[in-house]
C-alpha atoms as a PDB file:
ATOM      1  CA  UNK A   1     -72.625 -85.516-234.562  1.00  0.00           C
ATOM      2  CA  UNK A   2     -68.846 -85.321-234.616  1.00  0.00           C
ATOM      3  CA  UNK A   3     -66.837 -82.681-236.131  1.00  0.00           C
ATOM      4  CA  UNK A   4     -64.574 -83.153-238.561  1.00  0.00           C
ATOM      5  CA  UNK A   5     -61.019 -83.755-237.823  1.00  0.00           C
ATOM      6  CA  UNK A   6     -59.003 -80.264-238.593  1.00  0.00           C
ATOM      7  CA  UNK A   7     -56.080 -80.094-236.165  1.00  0.00           C
ATOM      8  CA  UNK A   8     -52.638 -78.705-236.998  1.00  0.00           C
ATOM      9  CA  UNK A   9     -49.838 -81.140-234.500  1.00  0.00           C
ATOM     10  CA  UNK A  10     -47.093 -79.149-233.602  1.00  0.00           C
ATOM     11  CA  UNK A  11     -44.674 -79.422-230.516  1.00  0.00           C
ATOM     12  CA  UNK A  12     -41.126 -78.478-228.720  1.00  0.00           C
ATOM     13  CA  UNK A  13     -38.836 -79.855-225.923  1.00  0.00           C
ATOM     14  CA  UNK A  14     -38.398 -76.839-223.523  1.00  0.00           C
ATOM     15  CA  UNK A  15     -35.258 -79.078-221.858  1.00  0.00           C
ATOM     16  CA  UNK A  16     -37.869 -80.226-218.739  1.00  0.00           C
ATOM     17  CA  UNK A  17     -41.004 -81.363-220.748  1.00  0.00           C
ATOM     18  CA  UNK A  18     -42.742 -81.422-223.762  1.00  0.00           C
ATOM     19  CA  UNK A  19     -45.126 -79.207-225.171  1.00  0.00           C
ATOM     20  CA  UNK A  20     -47.622 -79.739-227.871  1.00  0.00           C
ATOM     21  CA  UNK A  21     -49.916 -77.267-229.780  1.00  0.00           C
ATOM     22  CA  UNK A  22     -53.165 -78.099-231.347  1.00  0.00           C
ATOM     23  CA  UNK A  23     -54.398 -75.848-233.527  1.00  0.00           C
ATOM     24  CA  UNK A  24     -57.956 -76.137-234.729  1.00  0.00           C
ATOM     25  CA  UNK A  25     -59.547 -74.636-238.053  1.00  0.00           C
ATOM     26  CA  UNK A  26     -62.752 -73.697-236.135  1.00  0.00           C
ATOM     27  CA  UNK A  27     -63.254 -72.161-233.229  1.00  0.00           C
ATOM     28  CA  UNK A  28     -63.379 -74.570-230.139  1.00  0.00           C
ATOM     29  CA  UNK A  29     -65.192 -73.587-226.829  1.00  0.00           C
ATOM     30  CA  UNK A  30     -62.608 -72.742-224.273  1.00  0.00           C
ATOM     31  CA  UNK A  31     -65.148 -74.000-221.303  1.00  0.00           C
ATOM     32  CA  UNK A  32     -64.884 -77.126-221.318  1.00  0.00           C
ATOM     33  CA  UNK A  33     -61.368 -79.450-222.206  1.00  0.00           C
ATOM     34  CA  UNK A  34     -61.561 -83.341-222.992  1.00  0.00           C
ATOM     35  CA  UNK A  35     -59.628 -85.771-219.954  1.00  0.00           C
ATOM     36  CA  UNK A  36     -56.130 -86.299-220.307  1.00  0.00           C
ATOM     37  CA  UNK A  37     -56.539 -90.348-220.438  1.00  0.00           C
ATOM     38  CA  UNK A  38     -58.218 -89.039-223.927  1.00  0.00           C
ATOM     39  CA  UNK A  39     -54.850 -88.625-225.517  1.00  0.00           C
ATOM     40  CA  UNK A  40     -52.631 -90.700-226.617  1.00  0.00           C
ATOM     41  CA  UNK A  41     -48.312 -89.487-226.671  1.00  0.00           C
ATOM     42  CA  UNK A  42     -45.991 -91.569-228.442  1.00  0.00           C
ATOM     43  CA  UNK A  43     -42.715 -90.227-227.904  1.00  0.00           C
ATOM     44  CA  UNK A  44     -40.073 -92.795-229.882  1.00  0.00           C
ATOM     45  CA  UNK A  45     -42.061 -95.648-229.888  1.00  0.00           C
ATOM     46  CA  UNK A  46     -42.813 -95.736-225.851  1.00  0.00           C
ATOM     47  CA  UNK A  47     -46.545 -93.941-224.471  1.00  0.00           C
ATOM     48  CA  UNK A  48     -46.019 -91.430-222.670  1.00  0.00           C
ATOM     49  CA  UNK A  49     -49.564 -89.311-220.397  1.00  0.00           C
ATOM     50  CA  UNK A  50     -50.284 -86.249-220.860  1.00  0.00           C
ATOM     51  CA  UNK A  51     -49.795 -84.043-217.475  1.00  0.00           C
ATOM     52  CA  UNK A  52     -51.142 -80.826-218.285  1.00  0.00           C
ATOM     53  CA  UNK A  53     -53.819 -79.180-220.580  1.00  0.00           C
ATOM     54  CA  UNK A  54     -55.048 -75.318-221.355  1.00  0.00           C
ATOM     55  CA  UNK A  55     -56.741 -73.723-223.999  1.00  0.00           C
ATOM     56  CA  UNK A  56     -54.395 -70.635-225.280  1.00  0.00           C
ATOM     57  CA  UNK A  57     -57.246 -68.704-227.405  1.00  0.00           C
ATOM     58  CA  UNK A  58     -60.473 -70.187-229.386  1.00  0.00           C
ATOM     59  CA  UNK A  59     -58.066 -71.830-231.783  1.00  0.00           C
ATOM     60  CA  UNK A  60     -55.379 -73.444-229.623  1.00  0.00           C
ATOM     61  CA  UNK A  61     -54.985 -76.257-226.810  1.00  0.00           C
ATOM     62  CA  UNK A  62     -51.393 -76.415-225.465  1.00  0.00           C
ATOM     63  CA  UNK A  63     -50.438 -80.701-224.230  1.00  0.00           C
ATOM     64  CA  UNK A  64     -47.417 -81.177-221.799  1.00  0.00           C
ATOM     65  CA  UNK A  65     -46.250 -83.767-220.467  1.00  0.00           C
ATOM     66  CA  UNK A  66     -43.472 -83.275-217.797  1.00  0.00           C
ATOM     67  CA  UNK A  67     -42.760 -87.992-218.598  1.00  0.00           C
ATOM     68  CA  UNK A  68     -40.079 -86.404-221.730  1.00  0.00           C
ATOM     69  CA  UNK A  69     -37.070 -85.800-219.910  1.00  0.00           C
ATOM     70  CA  UNK A  70     -34.563 -85.697-223.453  1.00  0.00           C
ATOM     71  CA  UNK A  71     -35.012 -84.231-227.076  1.00  0.00           C
ATOM     72  CA  UNK A  72     -37.286 -86.818-229.296  1.00  0.00           C
ATOM     73  CA  UNK A  73     -36.715 -87.462-232.393  1.00  0.00           C
ATOM     74  CA  UNK A  74     -40.271 -88.458-233.782  1.00  0.00           C
ATOM     75  CA  UNK A  75     -44.014 -87.422-231.742  1.00  0.00           C
ATOM     76  CA  UNK A  76     -47.327 -89.002-231.984  1.00  0.00           C
ATOM     77  CA  UNK A  77     -50.562 -87.441-230.800  1.00  0.00           C
ATOM     78  CA  UNK A  78     -54.098 -89.706-230.968  1.00  0.00           C
ATOM     79  CA  UNK A  79     -57.183 -88.840-229.842  1.00  0.00           C
ATOM     80  CA  UNK A  80     -59.756 -90.903-228.629  1.00  0.00           C
ATOM     81  CA  UNK A  81     -63.067 -88.945-229.010  1.00  0.00           C
ATOM     82  CA  UNK A  82     -65.469 -87.629-229.709  1.00  0.00           C
ATOM     83  CA  UNK A  83     -66.547 -86.469-226.300  1.00  0.00           C
ATOM     84  CA  UNK A  84     -68.772 -83.374-225.658  1.00  0.00           C
ATOM     85  CA  UNK A  85     -65.382 -81.924-223.611  1.00  0.00           C
ATOM     86  CA  UNK A  86     -63.765 -80.979-227.291  1.00  0.00           C
ATOM     87  CA  UNK A  87     -66.298 -79.582-229.569  1.00  0.00           C
ATOM     88  CA  UNK A  88     -66.958 -75.899-231.172  1.00  0.00           C
ATOM     89  CA  UNK A  89     -68.479 -73.057-230.467  1.00  0.00           C
ATOM     90  CA  UNK A  90     -71.417 -74.111-231.585  1.00  0.00           C
ATOM     91  CA  UNK A  91     -71.222 -77.826-229.877  1.00  0.00           C
ATOM     92  CA  UNK A  92     -70.531 -80.125-232.676  1.00  0.00           C
ATOM     93  CA  UNK A  93     -67.555 -82.838-231.108  1.00  0.00           C
ATOM     94  CA  UNK A  94     -64.411 -83.205-232.570  1.00  0.00           C
ATOM     95  CA  UNK A  95     -63.814 -87.120-234.102  1.00  0.00           C
ATOM     96  CA  UNK A  96     -61.374 -88.833-232.681  1.00  0.00           C
ATOM     97  CA  UNK A  97     -57.656 -89.446-234.966  1.00  0.00           C
ATOM     98  CA  UNK A  98     -55.543 -91.790-234.885  1.00  0.00           C
ATOM     99  CA  UNK A  99     -51.518 -91.942-234.612  1.00  0.00           C
ATOM    100  CA  UNK A 100     -50.630 -88.330-236.290  1.00  0.00           C
ATOM    101  CA  UNK A 101     -47.263 -87.477-236.611  1.00  0.00           C
ATOM    102  CA  UNK A 102     -46.014 -84.268-234.819  1.00  0.00           C
ATOM    103  CA  UNK A 103     -44.351 -81.546-236.611  1.00  0.00           C
ATOM    104  CA  UNK A 104     -41.102 -80.147-234.278  1.00  0.00           C
ATOM    105  CA  UNK A 105     -41.086 -76.670-233.867  1.00  0.00           C
ATOM    106  CA  UNK A 106     -38.361 -76.545-231.019  1.00  0.00           C
ATOM    107  CA  UNK A 107     -34.831 -75.553-231.906  1.00  0.00           C
ATOM    108  CA  UNK A 108     -33.932 -78.791-232.686  1.00  0.00           C
ATOM    109  CA  UNK A 109     -30.741 -80.707-232.238  1.00  0.00           C
ATOM    110  CA  UNK A 110     -29.582 -78.134-229.084  1.00  0.00           C
ATOM    111  CA  UNK A 111     -26.503 -78.103-227.151  1.00  0.00           C
ATOM    112  CA  UNK A 112     -26.705 -78.193-223.033  1.00  0.00           C
ATOM    113  CA  UNK A 113     -24.785 -77.225-220.908  1.00  0.00           C
ATOM    114  CA  UNK A 114     -23.528 -78.707-217.936  1.00  0.00           C
ATOM    115  CA  UNK A 115     -23.582 -75.258-215.354  1.00  0.00           C
ATOM    116  CA  UNK A 116     -20.748 -75.579-212.805  1.00  0.00           C
ATOM    117  CA  UNK A 117     -19.120 -79.106-212.018  1.00  0.00           C
ATOM    118  CA  UNK A 118     -17.060 -79.240-208.352  1.00  0.00           C
ATOM    119  CA  UNK A 119     -15.533 -82.759-209.947  1.00  0.00           C
ATOM    120  CA  UNK A 120     -13.988 -84.570-212.588  1.00  0.00           C
ATOM    121  CA  UNK A 121     -15.895 -87.085-213.646  1.00  0.00           C
ATOM    122  CA  UNK A 122     -13.180 -89.955-214.307  1.00  0.00           C
ATOM    123  CA  UNK A 123      -9.642 -89.453-212.732  1.00  0.00           C
ATOM    124  CA  UNK A 124      -6.860 -91.167-212.425  1.00  0.00           C
ATOM    125  CA  UNK A 125      -7.143 -94.821-211.962  1.00  0.00           C
ATOM    126  CA  UNK A 126     -10.306 -94.759-213.932  1.00  0.00           C
ATOM    127  CA  UNK A 127      -7.318 -94.438-217.009  1.00  0.00           C
ATOM    128  CA  UNK A 128      -5.592 -97.542-218.314  1.00  0.00           C
ATOM    129  CA  UNK A 129      -2.469 -96.409-219.758  1.00  0.00           C
ATOM    130  CA  UNK A 130      -1.791 -99.568-222.010  1.00  0.00           C
ATOM    131  CA  UNK A 131      -1.711 -97.975-224.780  1.00  0.00           C
ATOM    132  CA  UNK A 132      -5.326-100.466-226.000  1.00  0.00           C
ATOM    133  CA  UNK A 133      -8.659 -99.072-226.293  1.00  0.00           C
ATOM    134  CA  UNK A 134     -10.546 -98.909-223.536  1.00  0.00           C
ATOM    135  CA  UNK A 135     -14.852 -97.911-222.605  1.00  0.00           C
ATOM    136  CA  UNK A 136     -16.099 -95.101-220.686  1.00  0.00           C
ATOM    137  CA  UNK A 137     -19.767 -95.467-219.691  1.00  0.00           C
ATOM    138  CA  UNK A 138     -21.188 -91.668-219.941  1.00  0.00           C
ATOM    139  CA  UNK A 139     -25.296 -93.040-219.647  1.00  0.00           C
ATOM    140  CA  UNK A 140     -24.993 -91.646-215.485  1.00  0.00           C
ATOM    141  CA  UNK A 141     -23.887 -88.184-216.388  1.00  0.00           C
ATOM    142  CA  UNK A 142     -26.175 -87.347-220.027  1.00  0.00           C
ATOM    143  CA  UNK A 143     -29.555 -88.486-220.667  1.00  0.00           C
ATOM    144  CA  UNK A 144     -30.424 -90.516-223.350  1.00  0.00           C
ATOM    145  CA  UNK A 145     -30.613 -89.454-227.117  1.00  0.00           C
ATOM    146  CA  UNK A 146     -27.398 -87.851-226.616  1.00  0.00           C
ATOM    147  CA  UNK A 147     -25.320 -87.422-229.567  1.00  0.00           C
ATOM    148  CA  UNK A 148     -22.106 -85.711-228.932  1.00  0.00           C
ATOM    149  CA  UNK A 149     -20.535 -84.326-225.389  1.00  0.00           C
ATOM    150  CA  UNK A 150     -17.850 -81.589-225.370  1.00  0.00           C
ATOM    151  CA  UNK A 151     -15.285 -82.192-223.018  1.00  0.00           C
ATOM    152  CA  UNK A 152     -12.388 -81.215-221.639  1.00  0.00           C
ATOM    153  CA  UNK A 153      -9.106 -82.946-220.637  1.00  0.00           C
ATOM    154  CA  UNK A 154      -6.497 -82.255-218.444  1.00  0.00           C
ATOM    155  CA  UNK A 155      -2.861 -84.370-218.252  1.00  0.00           C
ATOM    156  CA  UNK A 156       0.752 -84.560-216.427  1.00  0.00           C
ATOM    157  CA  UNK A 157       3.663 -86.747-217.172  1.00  0.00           C
ATOM    158  CA  UNK A 158       7.248 -87.091-216.291  1.00  0.00           C
ATOM    159  CA  UNK A 159       7.764 -87.195-219.789  1.00  0.00           C
ATOM    160  CA  UNK A 160       7.113 -85.169-223.214  1.00  0.00           C
ATOM    161  CA  UNK A 161       4.951 -87.199-226.773  1.00  0.00           C
ATOM    162  CA  UNK A 162       2.369 -89.233-223.999  1.00  0.00           C
ATOM    163  CA  UNK A 163      -1.051 -88.692-225.633  1.00  0.00           C
ATOM    164  CA  UNK A 164      -4.327 -89.820-224.977  1.00  0.00           C
ATOM    165  CA  UNK A 165      -7.245 -90.152-228.019  1.00  0.00           C
ATOM    166  CA  UNK A 166     -10.754 -89.849-227.590  1.00  0.00           C
ATOM    167  CA  UNK A 167     -13.154 -91.799-230.256  1.00  0.00           C
ATOM    168  CA  UNK A 168     -16.952 -92.813-230.670  1.00  0.00           C
ATOM    169  CA  UNK A 169     -17.267 -96.219-229.504  1.00  0.00           C
ATOM    170  CA  UNK A 170     -17.455 -98.055-233.020  1.00  0.00           C
ATOM    171  CA  UNK A 171     -15.340 -96.291-234.996  1.00  0.00           C
ATOM    172  CA  UNK A 172     -12.423 -97.814-236.500  1.00  0.00           C
ATOM    173  CA  UNK A 173     -10.271 -95.339-238.248  1.00  0.00           C
ATOM    174  CA  UNK A 174      -8.117 -92.047-236.225  1.00  0.00           C
ATOM    175  CA  UNK A 175      -9.122 -89.651-238.216  1.00  0.00           C
ATOM    176  CA  UNK A 176     -12.369 -88.542-236.199  1.00  0.00           C
ATOM    177  CA  UNK A 177     -10.937 -88.568-232.963  1.00  0.00           C
ATOM    178  CA  UNK A 178     -10.033 -85.994-230.475  1.00  0.00           C
ATOM    179  CA  UNK A 179      -5.814 -85.757-228.744  1.00  0.00           C
ATOM    180  CA  UNK A 180      -4.317 -84.633-226.393  1.00  0.00           C
ATOM    181  CA  UNK A 181      -0.469 -84.350-226.312  1.00  0.00           C
ATOM    182  CA  UNK A 182       2.163 -83.491-223.605  1.00  0.00           C
ATOM    183  CA  UNK A 183       5.055 -81.339-225.373  1.00  0.00           C
ATOM    184  CA  UNK A 184       7.051 -80.511-222.526  1.00  0.00           C
ATOM    185  CA  UNK A 185       7.634 -82.648-219.051  1.00  0.00           C
ATOM    186  CA  UNK A 186       5.837 -82.357-216.018  1.00  0.00           C
ATOM    187  CA  UNK A 187       3.268 -79.234-217.058  1.00  0.00           C
ATOM    188  CA  UNK A 188      -0.185 -79.647-217.188  1.00  0.00           C
ATOM    189  CA  UNK A 189      -1.880 -79.919-220.654  1.00  0.00           C
ATOM    190  CA  UNK A 190      -5.047 -79.228-221.424  1.00  0.00           C
ATOM    191  CA  UNK A 191      -7.582 -79.262-224.022  1.00  0.00           C
ATOM    192  CA  UNK A 192     -11.260 -79.214-225.059  1.00  0.00           C
ATOM    193  CA  UNK A 193     -12.972 -81.421-227.812  1.00  0.00           C
ATOM    194  CA  UNK A 194     -15.598 -82.786-228.811  1.00  0.00           C
ATOM    195  CA  UNK A 195     -16.598 -86.674-229.339  1.00  0.00           C
ATOM    196  CA  UNK A 196     -19.941 -88.385-230.897  1.00  0.00           C
ATOM    197  CA  UNK A 197     -21.265 -90.998-227.946  1.00  0.00           C
ATOM    198  CA  UNK A 198     -22.867 -94.457-229.792  1.00  0.00           C
ATOM    199  CA  UNK A 199     -26.546 -95.219-228.830  1.00  0.00           C
ATOM    200  CA  UNK A 200     -25.555 -96.795-225.356  1.00  0.00           C
ATOM    201  CA  UNK A 201     -23.608 -93.486-224.579  1.00  0.00           C
ATOM    202  CA  UNK A 202     -20.524 -95.250-224.530  1.00  0.00           C
ATOM    203  CA  UNK A 203     -16.655 -93.647-226.113  1.00  0.00           C
ATOM    204  CA  UNK A 204     -13.490 -94.628-225.741  1.00  0.00           C
ATOM    205  CA  UNK A 205      -9.895 -93.431-224.960  1.00  0.00           C
ATOM    206  CA  UNK A 206      -6.594 -94.914-225.888  1.00  0.00           C
ATOM    207  CA  UNK A 207      -3.999 -94.012-223.780  1.00  0.00           C
ATOM    208  CA  UNK A 208      -0.217 -94.245-224.151  1.00  0.00           C
ATOM    209  CA  UNK A 209       2.040 -95.591-220.893  1.00  0.00           C
ATOM    210  CA  UNK A 210       3.593 -93.150-219.083  1.00  0.00           C
ATOM    211  CA  UNK A 211       3.876 -92.078-215.658  1.00  0.00           C
ATOM    212  CA  UNK A 212       1.620 -89.900-215.636  1.00  0.00           C
ATOM    213  CA  UNK A 213       0.079 -87.440-212.196  1.00  0.00           C
ATOM    214  CA  UNK A 214      -2.906 -86.076-213.510  1.00  0.00           C
ATOM    215  CA  UNK A 215      -5.369 -87.793-215.785  1.00  0.00           C
ATOM    216  CA  UNK A 216      -8.584 -86.170-215.851  1.00  0.00           C
ATOM    217  CA  UNK A 217     -12.061 -85.529-217.570  1.00  0.00           C
ATOM    218  CA  UNK A 218     -15.094 -83.293-217.689  1.00  0.00           C
ATOM    219  CA  UNK A 219     -18.171 -83.479-219.611  1.00  0.00           C
ATOM    220  CA  UNK A 220     -18.866 -79.693-219.536  1.00  0.00           C
ATOM    221  CA  UNK A 221     -22.461 -80.273-221.647  1.00  0.00           C
ATOM    222  CA  UNK A 222     -24.101 -82.532-224.669  1.00  0.00           C
ATOM    223  CA  UNK A 223     -25.735 -81.941-227.735  1.00  0.00           C
ATOM    224  CA  UNK A 224     -29.519 -84.042-229.043  1.00  0.00           C
END
């Protein structure tokens, strides 16, 4: 006879994979463990495969999925039992369960440092200086589920009072923007800023018309 379901499900994204801890309310047989295909892991509505599993002690089984490469918003786990490879120390098979919400025990929304880039992400002709708003696509730089980016911007112009603004694509007002202005002619001006991205990982910029010799943007890191 299968044993009643009674496992606590918790997860943590470590930056490279998703770890899921199952804590059972009774001691389990650590000499056996169920095949990975008996677990159904659903991350943000997409099914992901379990890549490894290991007993941590007689109450705790650790599952991992290396198919999860970005911070998840929602994790569900189901078990397609009963199976003799998941049982108590006295031989009772564990009962199956359907999709069950896992508790995030990680750091929550976190910042990821880009590291030590050798080049800027956007320069010179990547920008249009016509006082209109234009899109910048960051999807090749930052991963899915990114909420915002840290930027470094550098500019030089032969004229003063030339500026650029950055904002979240879809915003209409000018209060929540990051801005840089040339306060001195022919000097490189550098600012750091934070800009939220939309769900497609786009931001926007608005650049005044001017005689520019330097226009450079670097994405320093991002938040999940």
